[in-house]
PDB file of N, CA and C in Angstrom:
ATOM      1  N   UNK A   1      -9.123 -22.566  23.663  1.00  0.00           N
ATOM      2  CA  UNK A   1      -8.978 -23.185  22.365  1.00  0.00           C
ATOM      3  C   UNK A   1      -8.874 -22.110  21.277  1.00  0.00           C
ATOM      4  N   UNK A   2      -9.707 -21.105  21.373  1.00  0.00           N
ATOM      5  CA  UNK A   2      -9.692 -20.039  20.374  1.00  0.00           C
ATOM      6  C   UNK A   2      -8.630 -18.999  20.684  1.00  0.00           C
ATOM      7  N   UNK A   3      -8.203 -18.941  21.937  1.00  0.00           N
ATOM      8  CA  UNK A   3      -7.236 -17.920  22.351  1.00  0.00           C
ATOM      9  C   UNK A   3      -5.869 -18.149  21.709  1.00  0.00           C
ATOM     10  N   UNK A   4      -5.455 -19.358  21.531  1.00  0.00           N
ATOM     11  CA  UNK A   4      -4.129 -19.648  20.963  1.00  0.00           C
ATOM     12  C   UNK A   4      -3.977 -19.101  19.542  1.00  0.00           C
ATOM     13  N   UNK A   5      -4.912 -19.386  18.628  1.00  0.00           N
ATOM     14  CA  UNK A   5      -4.771 -18.816  17.277  1.00  0.00           C
ATOM     15  C   UNK A   5      -4.824 -17.292  17.284  1.00  0.00           C
ATOM     16  N   UNK A   6      -5.667 -16.727  18.149  1.00  0.00           N
ATOM     17  CA  UNK A   6      -5.737 -15.272  18.230  1.00  0.00           C
ATOM     18  C   UNK A   6      -4.429 -14.689  18.753  1.00  0.00           C
ATOM     19  N   UNK A   7      -3.860 -15.331  19.769  1.00  0.00           N
ATOM     20  CA  UNK A   7      -2.585 -14.877  20.311  1.00  0.00           C
ATOM     21  C   UNK A   7      -1.484 -15.000  19.261  1.00  0.00           C
ATOM     22  N   UNK A   8      -1.463 -16.117  18.535  1.00  0.00           N
ATOM     23  CA  UNK A   8      -0.462 -16.308  17.484  1.00  0.00           C
ATOM     24  C   UNK A   8      -0.603 -15.248  16.394  1.00  0.00           C
ATOM     25  N   UNK A   9      -1.827 -14.949  16.004  1.00  0.00           N
ATOM     26  CA  UNK A   9      -2.058 -13.931  14.975  1.00  0.00           C
ATOM     27  C   UNK A   9      -1.621 -12.557  15.467  1.00  0.00           C
ATOM     28  N   UNK A  10      -1.934 -12.243  16.711  1.00  0.00           N
ATOM     29  CA  UNK A  10      -1.538 -10.949  17.268  1.00  0.00           C
ATOM     30  C   UNK A  10      -0.019 -10.847  17.368  1.00  0.00           C
ATOM     31  N   UNK A  11       0.626 -11.911  17.804  1.00  0.00           N
ATOM     32  CA  UNK A  11       2.084 -11.904  17.913  1.00  0.00           C
ATOM     33  C   UNK A  11       2.727 -11.756  16.541  1.00  0.00           C
ATOM     34  N   UNK A  12       2.183 -12.447  15.563  1.00  0.00           N
ATOM     35  CA  UNK A  12       2.701 -12.340  14.199  1.00  0.00           C
ATOM     36  C   UNK A  12       2.525 -10.927  13.667  1.00  0.00           C
ATOM     37  N   UNK A  13       1.355 -10.357  13.860  1.00  0.00           N
ATOM     38  CA  UNK A  13       1.100  -8.993  13.392  1.00  0.00           C
ATOM     39  C   UNK A  13       2.012  -8.001  14.101  1.00  0.00           C
ATOM     40  N   UNK A  14       2.183  -8.153  15.402  1.00  0.00           N
ATOM     41  CA  UNK A  14       3.058  -7.257  16.162  1.00  0.00           C
ATOM     42  C   UNK A  14       4.499  -7.380  15.677  1.00  0.00           C
ATOM     43  N   UNK A  15       4.944  -8.599  15.457  1.00  0.00           N
ATOM     44  CA  UNK A  15       6.295  -8.817  14.943  1.00  0.00           C
ATOM     45  C   UNK A  15       6.482  -8.200  13.575  1.00  0.00           C
ATOM     46  N   UNK A  16       5.469  -8.317  12.722  1.00  0.00           N
ATOM     47  CA  UNK A  16       5.544  -7.733  11.375  1.00  0.00           C
ATOM     48  C   UNK A  16       5.609  -6.216  11.456  1.00  0.00           C
ATOM     49  N   UNK A  17       4.839  -5.623  12.348  1.00  0.00           N
ATOM     50  CA  UNK A  17       4.876  -4.176  12.536  1.00  0.00           C
ATOM     51  C   UNK A  17       6.262  -3.734  12.987  1.00  0.00           C
ATOM     52  N   UNK A  18       6.838  -4.462  13.928  1.00  0.00           N
ATOM     53  CA  UNK A  18       8.183  -4.127  14.390  1.00  0.00           C
ATOM     54  C   UNK A  18       9.208  -4.231  13.263  1.00  0.00           C
ATOM     55  N   UNK A  19       9.106  -5.280  12.469  1.00  0.00           N
ATOM     56  CA  UNK A  19      10.023  -5.423  11.334  1.00  0.00           C
ATOM     57  C   UNK A  19       9.848  -4.293  10.329  1.00  0.00           C
ATOM     58  N   UNK A  20       8.597  -3.940  10.041  1.00  0.00           N
ATOM     59  CA  UNK A  20       8.331  -2.839   9.105  1.00  0.00           C
ATOM     60  C   UNK A  20       8.869  -1.519   9.640  1.00  0.00           C
ATOM     61  N   UNK A  21       8.709  -1.279  10.947  1.00  0.00           N
ATOM     62  CA  UNK A  21       9.224  -0.054  11.546  1.00  0.00           C
ATOM     63  C   UNK A  21      10.745  -0.012  11.447  1.00  0.00           C
ATOM     64  N   UNK A  22      11.396  -1.139  11.697  1.00  0.00           N
ATOM     65  CA  UNK A  22      12.849  -1.189  11.600  1.00  0.00           C
ATOM     66  C   UNK A  22      13.300  -0.952  10.166  1.00  0.00           C
ATOM     67  N   UNK A  23      12.632  -1.580   9.202  1.00  0.00           N
ATOM     68  CA  UNK A  23      12.991  -1.381   7.793  1.00  0.00           C
ATOM     69  C   UNK A  23      12.816   0.081   7.390  1.00  0.00           C
ATOM     70  N   UNK A  24      11.737   0.705   7.836  1.00  0.00           N
ATOM     71  CA  UNK A  24      11.496   2.110   7.522  1.00  0.00           C
ATOM     72  C   UNK A  24      12.572   2.986   8.137  1.00  0.00           C
ATOM     73  N   UNK A  25      12.907   2.722   9.391  1.00  0.00           N
ATOM     74  CA  UNK A  25      13.962   3.501  10.051  1.00  0.00           C
ATOM     75  C   UNK A  25      15.282   3.332   9.324  1.00  0.00           C
ATOM     76  N   UNK A  26      15.609   2.116   8.980  1.00  0.00           N
ATOM     77  CA  UNK A  26      16.872   1.834   8.290  1.00  0.00           C
ATOM     78  C   UNK A  26      16.920   2.523   6.932  1.00  0.00           C
ATOM     79  N   UNK A  27      15.837   2.468   6.188  1.00  0.00           N
ATOM     80  CA  UNK A  27      15.777   3.125   4.884  1.00  0.00           C
ATOM     81  C   UNK A  27      15.926   4.631   5.029  1.00  0.00           C
ATOM     82  N   UNK A  28      15.262   5.200   6.021  1.00  0.00           N
ATOM     83  CA  UNK A  28      15.363   6.646   6.254  1.00  0.00           C
ATOM     84  C   UNK A  28      16.789   7.036   6.607  1.00  0.00           C
ATOM     85  N   UNK A  29      17.417   6.263   7.466  1.00  0.00           N
ATOM     86  CA  UNK A  29      18.802   6.565   7.840  1.00  0.00           C
ATOM     87  C   UNK A  29      19.745   6.437   6.646  1.00  0.00           C
ATOM     88  N   UNK A  30      19.542   5.403   5.839  1.00  0.00           N
ATOM     89  CA  UNK A  30      20.365   5.248   4.636  1.00  0.00           C
ATOM     90  C   UNK A  30      20.149   6.410   3.675  1.00  0.00           C
ATOM     91  N   UNK A  31      18.901   6.824   3.512  1.00  0.00           N
ATOM     92  CA  UNK A  31      18.595   7.931   2.606  1.00  0.00           C
ATOM     93  C   UNK A  31      19.236   9.219   3.098  1.00  0.00           C
ATOM     94  N   UNK A  32      19.181   9.455   4.393  1.00  0.00           N
ATOM     95  CA  UNK A  32      19.820  10.657   4.943  1.00  0.00           C
ATOM     96  C   UNK A  32      21.325  10.610   4.734  1.00  0.00           C
ATOM     97  N   UNK A  33      21.894   9.447   4.951  1.00  0.00           N
ATOM     98  CA  UNK A  33      23.330   9.302   4.800  1.00  0.00           C
ATOM     99  C   UNK A  33      23.766   9.604   3.370  1.00  0.00           C
ATOM    100  N   UNK A  34      22.984   9.216   2.424  1.00  0.00           N
ATOM    101  CA  UNK A  34      23.330   9.441   1.022  1.00  0.00           C
ATOM    102  C   UNK A  34      22.693  10.702   0.451  1.00  0.00           C
ATOM    103  N   UNK A  35      22.023  11.485   1.275  1.00  0.00           N
ATOM    104  CA  UNK A  35      21.448  12.743   0.824  1.00  0.00           C
ATOM    105  C   UNK A  35      20.230  12.588  -0.069  1.00  0.00           C
ATOM    106  N   UNK A  36      19.516  11.507   0.101  1.00  0.00           N
ATOM    107  CA  UNK A  36      18.358  11.243  -0.760  1.00  0.00           C
ATOM    108  C   UNK A  36      17.024  11.433  -0.049  1.00  0.00           C
ATOM    109  N   UNK A  37      17.041  11.851   1.171  1.00  0.00           N
ATOM    110  CA  UNK A  37      15.797  11.930   1.939  1.00  0.00           C
ATOM    111  C   UNK A  37      14.795  12.847   1.260  1.00  0.00           C
ATOM    112  N   UNK A  38      15.246  13.987   0.782  1.00  0.00           N
ATOM    113  CA  UNK A  38      14.326  14.925   0.149  1.00  0.00           C
ATOM    114  C   UNK A  38      13.750  14.351  -1.147  1.00  0.00           C
ATOM    115  N   UNK A  39      14.580  13.704  -1.940  1.00  0.00           N
ATOM    116  CA  UNK A  39      14.107  13.099  -3.190  1.00  0.00           C
ATOM    117  C   UNK A  39      13.104  11.982  -2.911  1.00  0.00           C
ATOM    118  N   UNK A  40      13.371  11.183  -1.883  1.00  0.00           N
ATOM    119  CA  UNK A  40      12.440  10.109  -1.546  1.00  0.00           C
ATOM    120  C   UNK A  40      11.112  10.668  -1.051  1.00  0.00           C
ATOM    121  N   UNK A  41      11.185  11.748  -0.274  1.00  0.00           N
ATOM    122  CA  UNK A  41       9.957  12.371   0.212  1.00  0.00           C
ATOM    123  C   UNK A  41       9.134  12.890  -0.961  1.00  0.00           C
ATOM    124  N   UNK A  42       9.802  13.555  -1.909  1.00  0.00           N
ATOM    125  CA  UNK A  42       9.099  14.066  -3.072  1.00  0.00           C
ATOM    126  C   UNK A  42       8.482  12.934  -3.894  1.00  0.00           C
ATOM    127  N   UNK A  43       9.221  11.835  -4.026  1.00  0.00           N
ATOM    128  CA  UNK A  43       8.698  10.682  -4.763  1.00  0.00           C
ATOM    129  C   UNK A  43       7.503  10.073  -4.046  1.00  0.00           C
ATOM    130  N   UNK A  44       7.571   9.994  -2.727  1.00  0.00           N
ATOM    131  CA  UNK A  44       6.446   9.447  -1.960  1.00  0.00           C
ATOM    132  C   UNK A  44       5.221  10.337  -2.090  1.00  0.00           C
ATOM    133  N   UNK A  45       5.425  11.650  -2.056  1.00  0.00           N
ATOM    134  CA  UNK A  45       4.300  12.569  -2.229  1.00  0.00           C
ATOM    135  C   UNK A  45       3.695  12.436  -3.624  1.00  0.00           C
ATOM    136  N   UNK A  46       4.549  12.347  -4.628  1.00  0.00           N
ATOM    137  CA  UNK A  46       4.048  12.185  -5.997  1.00  0.00           C
ATOM    138  C   UNK A  46       3.273  10.875  -6.130  1.00  0.00           C
ATOM    139  N   UNK A  47       3.782   9.810  -5.521  1.00  0.00           N
ATOM    140  CA  UNK A  47       3.096   8.523  -5.579  1.00  0.00           C
ATOM    141  C   UNK A  47       1.756   8.584  -4.860  1.00  0.00           C
ATOM    142  N   UNK A  48       1.706   9.273  -3.720  1.00  0.00           N
ATOM    143  CA  UNK A  48       0.432   9.362  -3.008  1.00  0.00           C
ATOM    144  C   UNK A  48      -0.577  10.196  -3.785  1.00  0.00           C
ATOM    145  N   UNK A  49      -0.107  11.239  -4.454  1.00  0.00           N
ATOM    146  CA  UNK A  49      -1.018  12.036  -5.286  1.00  0.00           C
ATOM    147  C   UNK A  49      -1.526  11.209  -6.470  1.00  0.00           C
ATOM    148  N   UNK A  50      -0.635  10.443  -7.094  1.00  0.00           N
ATOM    149  CA  UNK A  50      -1.051   9.599  -8.213  1.00  0.00           C
ATOM    150  C   UNK A  50      -2.055   8.553  -7.751  1.00  0.00           C
ATOM    151  N   UNK A  51      -1.818   7.958  -6.589  1.00  0.00           N
ATOM    152  CA  UNK A  51      -2.747   6.961  -6.056  1.00  0.00           C
ATOM    153  C   UNK A  51      -4.101   7.587  -5.762  1.00  0.00           C
ATOM    154  N   UNK A  52      -4.086   8.789  -5.170  1.00  0.00           N
ATOM    155  CA  UNK A  52      -5.333   9.482  -4.872  1.00  0.00           C
ATOM    156  C   UNK A  52      -6.110   9.760  -6.169  1.00  0.00           C
ATOM    157  N   UNK A  53      -5.396  10.225  -7.196  1.00  0.00           N
ATOM    158  CA  UNK A  53      -6.049  10.497  -8.477  1.00  0.00           C
ATOM    159  C   UNK A  53      -6.582   9.211  -9.098  1.00  0.00           C
ATOM    160  N   UNK A  54      -5.822   8.133  -8.988  1.00  0.00           N
ATOM    161  CA  UNK A  54      -6.238   6.852  -9.543  1.00  0.00           C
ATOM    162  C   UNK A  54      -7.483   6.343  -8.841  1.00  0.00           C
ATOM    163  N   UNK A  55      -7.521   6.474  -7.520  1.00  0.00           N
ATOM    164  CA  UNK A  55      -8.660   5.987  -6.755  1.00  0.00           C
ATOM    165  C   UNK A  55      -9.904   6.846  -6.960  1.00  0.00           C
ATOM    166  N   UNK A  56      -9.730   8.063  -7.475  1.00  0.00           N
ATOM    167  CA  UNK A  56     -10.869   8.945  -7.713  1.00  0.00           C
ATOM    168  C   UNK A  56     -11.642   8.553  -8.974  1.00  0.00           C
ATOM    169  N   UNK A  57     -11.046   7.714  -9.811  1.00  0.00           N
ATOM    170  CA  UNK A  57     -11.706   7.294 -11.042  1.00  0.00           C
ATOM    171  C   UNK A  57     -12.793   6.279 -10.694  1.00  0.00           C
ATOM    172  N   UNK A  58     -14.033   6.563 -11.092  1.00  0.00           N
ATOM    173  CA  UNK A  58     -15.110   5.622 -10.766  1.00  0.00           C
ATOM    174  C   UNK A  58     -14.987   4.341 -11.597  1.00  0.00           C
ATOM    175  N   UNK A  59     -15.183   3.230 -10.949  1.00  0.00           N
ATOM    176  CA  UNK A  59     -15.148   1.945 -11.635  1.00  0.00           C
ATOM    177  C   UNK A  59     -16.558   1.548 -12.041  1.00  0.00           C
ATOM    178  N   UNK A  60     -16.679   0.928 -13.205  1.00  0.00           N
ATOM    179  CA  UNK A  60     -18.016   0.485 -13.624  1.00  0.00           C
ATOM    180  C   UNK A  60     -18.486  -0.673 -12.757  1.00  0.00           C
ATOM    181  N   UNK A  61     -19.788  -0.796 -12.669  1.00  0.00           N
ATOM    182  CA  UNK A  61     -20.338  -1.914 -11.903  1.00  0.00           C
ATOM    183  C   UNK A  61     -20.148  -3.205 -12.692  1.00  0.00           C
ATOM    184  N   UNK A  62     -20.405  -4.306 -12.049  1.00  0.00           N
ATOM    185  CA  UNK A  62     -20.273  -5.601 -12.713  1.00  0.00           C
ATOM    186  C   UNK A  62     -21.243  -5.696 -13.890  1.00  0.00           C
ATOM    187  N   UNK A  63     -22.456  -5.206 -13.702  1.00  0.00           N
ATOM    188  CA  UNK A  63     -23.446  -5.256 -14.779  1.00  0.00           C
ATOM    189  C   UNK A  63     -23.018  -4.393 -15.954  1.00  0.00           C
ATOM    190  N   UNK A  64     -22.484  -3.208 -15.692  1.00  0.00           N
ATOM    191  CA  UNK A  64     -22.005  -2.339 -16.770  1.00  0.00           C
ATOM    192  C   UNK A  64     -20.848  -2.990 -17.527  1.00  0.00           C
ATOM    193  N   UNK A  65     -19.977  -3.653 -16.796  1.00  0.00           N
ATOM    194  CA  UNK A  65     -18.846  -4.327 -17.426  1.00  0.00           C
ATOM    195  C   UNK A  65     -19.315  -5.468 -18.314  1.00  0.00           C
ATOM    196  N   UNK A  66     -20.240  -6.271 -17.811  1.00  0.00           N
ATOM    197  CA  UNK A  66     -20.764  -7.386 -18.613  1.00  0.00           C
ATOM    198  C   UNK A  66     -21.487  -6.882 -19.845  1.00  0.00           C
ATOM    199  N   UNK A  67     -22.258  -5.818 -19.709  1.00  0.00           N
ATOM    200  CA  UNK A  67     -22.964  -5.255 -20.859  1.00  0.00           C
ATOM    201  C   UNK A  67     -21.969  -4.751 -21.895  1.00  0.00           C
ATOM    202  N   UNK A  68     -20.931  -4.069 -21.479  1.00  0.00           N
ATOM    203  CA  UNK A  68     -19.918  -3.565 -22.399  1.00  0.00           C
ATOM    204  C   UNK A  68     -19.198  -4.715 -23.101  1.00  0.00           C
ATOM    205  N   UNK A  69     -18.911  -5.783 -22.370  1.00  0.00           N
ATOM    206  CA  UNK A  69     -18.252  -6.932 -22.968  1.00  0.00           C
ATOM    207  C   UNK A  69     -19.151  -7.613 -24.001  1.00  0.00           C
ATOM    208  N   UNK A  70     -20.440  -7.697 -23.699  1.00  0.00           N
ATOM    209  CA  UNK A  70     -21.372  -8.312 -24.657  1.00  0.00           C
ATOM    210  C   UNK A  70     -21.461  -7.500 -25.944  1.00  0.00           C
ATOM    211  N   UNK A  71     -21.367  -6.189 -25.817  1.00  0.00           N
ATOM    212  CA  UNK A  71     -21.422  -5.310 -26.985  1.00  0.00           C
ATOM    213  C   UNK A  71     -20.088  -5.245 -27.723  1.00  0.00           C
ATOM    214  N   UNK A  72     -19.049  -5.806 -27.123  1.00  0.00           N
ATOM    215  CA  UNK A  72     -17.727  -5.746 -27.748  1.00  0.00           C
ATOM    216  C   UNK A  72     -17.028  -4.424 -27.525  1.00  0.00           C
ATOM    217  N   UNK A  73     -17.398  -3.711 -26.471  1.00  0.00           N
ATOM    218  CA  UNK A  73     -16.807  -2.399 -26.190  1.00  0.00           C
ATOM    219  C   UNK A  73     -15.579  -2.521 -25.284  1.00  0.00           C
ATOM    220  N   UNK A  74     -15.322  -3.674 -24.740  1.00  0.00           N
ATOM    221  CA  UNK A  74     -14.261  -3.798 -23.764  1.00  0.00           C
ATOM    222  C   UNK A  74     -13.119  -4.518 -24.302  1.00  0.00           C
TER     223      UNK A  74
END
């Protein structure tokens, strides 16, 4: 009874992974064909660095946020 939903979820996830891999391969091949592979790589690196920097910013706790909102600081 429980195996069917688990199997369906696994099959769906596996299918999605295959589709994502195909899309990535296709994009890479298109980029190479048009000479954009290096630019895309640089953009991906810049995006990953920006994401890393963004994630390094500490977020306030819920209590700190509520206190700031009550004071009119937010």
